[in-house]
Amino acid sequence: EMMDIANRQQQFFLANRSYATTLGALSYSLPAEVGVRYDAGIEADNEATPPSFTINFSAKGAQVSDGDLMLNSEGVKERDGDPTKW
């Protein structure tokens, strides 16, 4: 799902010359089976050079023990802030 969001961000950027700041702007909603395990959000820094984005999945419920997930526009992946845990 995070890769789908990242791909949508790249398409949005090509069309709008900036990254989306909400999932709704990408016409995306988290599938129910993922939504029970994670809250999803994106952050975009369109003022940076180059512009960038970060996708965050915050674990909830039974998934909390696995930790939060992050993927950014440079392809860096982290789990609980540690790229070696992904």
C-alpha atoms as a PDB file:
ATOM      1  CA  GLU A   1       0.000   0.000   0.000  1.00  0.00           C
ATOM      2  CA  MET A   2       2.840   2.388   0.769  1.00  0.00           C
ATOM      3  CA  MET A   3       4.315   1.811  -2.684  1.00  0.00           C
ATOM      4  CA  ASP A   4       0.915   2.495  -4.247  1.00  0.00           C
ATOM      5  CA  ILE A   5       0.754   5.812  -2.398  1.00  0.00           C
ATOM      6  CA  ALA A   6       4.333   6.642  -3.448  1.00  0.00           C
ATOM      7  CA  ASN A   7       3.491   5.926  -7.094  1.00  0.00           C
ATOM      8  CA  ARG A   8       0.400   8.117  -6.849  1.00  0.00           C
ATOM      9  CA  GLN A   9       2.547  10.879  -5.341  1.00  0.00           C
ATOM     10  CA  GLN A  10       4.923  10.737  -8.311  1.00  0.00           C
ATOM     11  CA  GLN A  11       2.012  10.902 -10.762  1.00  0.00           C
ATOM     12  CA  PHE A  12       0.491  13.800  -8.797  1.00  0.00           C
ATOM     13  CA  PHE A  13       3.840  15.608  -8.898  1.00  0.00           C
ATOM     14  CA  LEU A  14       4.107  15.249 -12.670  1.00  0.00           C
ATOM     15  CA  ALA A  15       0.612  16.675 -13.129  1.00  0.00           C
ATOM     16  CA  ASN A  16       0.773  19.431 -10.484  1.00  0.00           C
ATOM     17  CA  ARG A  17       4.464  20.266  -9.980  1.00  0.00           C
ATOM     18  CA  SER A  18       4.034  19.612  -6.247  1.00  0.00           C
ATOM     19  CA  TYR A  19       3.313  16.648  -3.995  1.00  0.00           C
ATOM     20  CA  ALA A  20      -0.121  16.057  -2.465  1.00  0.00           C
ATOM     21  CA  THR A  21      -0.535  16.861   1.213  1.00  0.00           C
ATOM     22  CA  THR A  22      -3.457  14.488   1.841  1.00  0.00           C
ATOM     23  CA  LEU A  23      -4.379  10.981   0.782  1.00  0.00           C
ATOM     24  CA  GLY A  24      -7.694  12.329  -0.498  1.00  0.00           C
ATOM     25  CA  ALA A  25      -5.862  14.546  -2.992  1.00  0.00           C
ATOM     26  CA  LEU A  26      -4.429  11.330  -4.427  1.00  0.00           C
ATOM     27  CA  SER A  27      -7.928   9.799  -4.685  1.00  0.00           C
ATOM     28  CA  TYR A  28      -6.720   7.133  -2.271  1.00  0.00           C
ATOM     29  CA  SER A  29      -8.314   5.534   0.752  1.00  0.00           C
ATOM     30  CA  LEU A  30      -6.698   2.871   2.867  1.00  0.00           C
ATOM     31  CA  PRO A  31      -8.214  -0.610   2.301  1.00  0.00           C
ATOM     32  CA  ALA A  32     -10.274  -1.768   5.274  1.00  0.00           C
ATOM     33  CA  GLU A  33      -7.976  -4.728   6.004  1.00  0.00           C
ATOM     34  CA  VAL A  34      -5.021  -2.353   6.328  1.00  0.00           C
ATOM     35  CA  GLY A  35      -6.999   0.388   8.067  1.00  0.00           C
ATOM     36  CA  VAL A  36      -7.705  -1.853  11.063  1.00  0.00           C
ATOM     37  CA  ARG A  37      -3.938  -2.220  11.575  1.00  0.00           C
ATOM     38  CA  TYR A  38      -2.585   1.209  10.599  1.00  0.00           C
ATOM     39  CA  ASP A  39      -3.489   4.871  10.389  1.00  0.00           C
ATOM     40  CA  ALA A  40      -1.955   6.347   7.248  1.00  0.00           C
ATOM     41  CA  GLY A  41      -0.811   9.848   6.454  1.00  0.00           C
ATOM     42  CA  ILE A  42       1.508  11.779   4.180  1.00  0.00           C
ATOM     43  CA  GLU A  43       3.647  14.838   4.685  1.00  0.00           C
ATOM     44  CA  ALA A  44       4.865  16.888   1.752  1.00  0.00           C
ATOM     45  CA  ASP A  45       7.569  19.537   1.704  1.00  0.00           C
ATOM     46  CA  ASN A  46       6.993  21.332  -1.570  1.00  0.00           C
ATOM     47  CA  GLU A  47       9.257  24.225  -0.543  1.00  0.00           C
ATOM     48  CA  ALA A  48      12.352  22.002  -0.275  1.00  0.00           C
ATOM     49  CA  THR A  49      14.823  21.628  -3.128  1.00  0.00           C
ATOM     50  CA  PRO A  50      14.006  19.105  -4.407  1.00  0.00           C
ATOM     51  CA  PRO A  51      10.433  18.755  -3.097  1.00  0.00           C
ATOM     52  CA  SER A  52       9.897  15.663  -0.955  1.00  0.00           C
ATOM     53  CA  PHE A  53       7.271  13.573   0.785  1.00  0.00           C
ATOM     54  CA  THR A  54       7.018  11.061   3.606  1.00  0.00           C
ATOM     55  CA  ILE A  55       4.375   8.366   3.991  1.00  0.00           C
ATOM     56  CA  ASN A  56       3.676   7.275   7.561  1.00  0.00           C
ATOM     57  CA  PHE A  57       1.754   4.227   8.702  1.00  0.00           C
ATOM     58  CA  SER A  58       1.110   4.357  12.459  1.00  0.00           C
ATOM     59  CA  ALA A  59       0.484   0.911  13.930  1.00  0.00           C
ATOM     60  CA  LYS A  60      -2.611   0.360  16.025  1.00  0.00           C
ATOM     61  CA  GLY A  61      -4.341  -2.504  17.800  1.00  0.00           C
ATOM     62  CA  ALA A  62      -2.585  -5.853  17.503  1.00  0.00           C
ATOM     63  CA  GLN A  63      -0.114  -4.341  15.024  1.00  0.00           C
ATOM     64  CA  VAL A  64       1.454  -1.991  17.615  1.00  0.00           C
ATOM     65  CA  SER A  65       4.100  -4.562  18.568  1.00  0.00           C
ATOM     66  CA  ASP A  66       5.365  -4.519  14.957  1.00  0.00           C
ATOM     67  CA  GLY A  67       5.839  -0.747  15.037  1.00  0.00           C
ATOM     68  CA  ASP A  68       5.232   2.219  12.777  1.00  0.00           C
ATOM     69  CA  LEU A  69       6.330   2.275   9.129  1.00  0.00           C
ATOM     70  CA  MET A  70       7.766   5.102   7.019  1.00  0.00           C
ATOM     71  CA  LEU A  71       8.645   5.456   3.332  1.00  0.00           C
ATOM     72  CA  ASN A  72       9.948   8.696   1.851  1.00  0.00           C
ATOM     73  CA  SER A  73      10.388  10.121  -1.638  1.00  0.00           C
ATOM     74  CA  GLU A  74      14.021   8.999  -1.705  1.00  0.00           C
ATOM     75  CA  GLY A  75      12.973   5.378  -1.190  1.00  0.00           C
ATOM     76  CA  VAL A  76      14.172   5.218   2.424  1.00  0.00           C
ATOM     77  CA  LYS A  77      12.112   2.741   4.464  1.00  0.00           C
ATOM     78  CA  GLU A  78      12.027   2.605   8.254  1.00  0.00           C
ATOM     79  CA  ARG A  79      10.221   0.665  10.920  1.00  0.00           C
ATOM     80  CA  ASP A  80      10.073   2.396  14.290  1.00  0.00           C
ATOM     81  CA  GLY A  81      12.670   4.900  13.046  1.00  0.00           C
ATOM     82  CA  ASP A  82      15.238   2.231  12.179  1.00  0.00           C
ATOM     83  CA  PRO A  83      15.951   1.449   8.507  1.00  0.00           C
ATOM     84  CA  THR A  84      17.593  -1.872   9.421  1.00  0.00           C
ATOM     85  CA  LYS A  85      14.314  -3.274  10.864  1.00  0.00           C
ATOM     86  CA  TRP A  86      12.282  -3.044   7.664  1.00  0.00           C
END
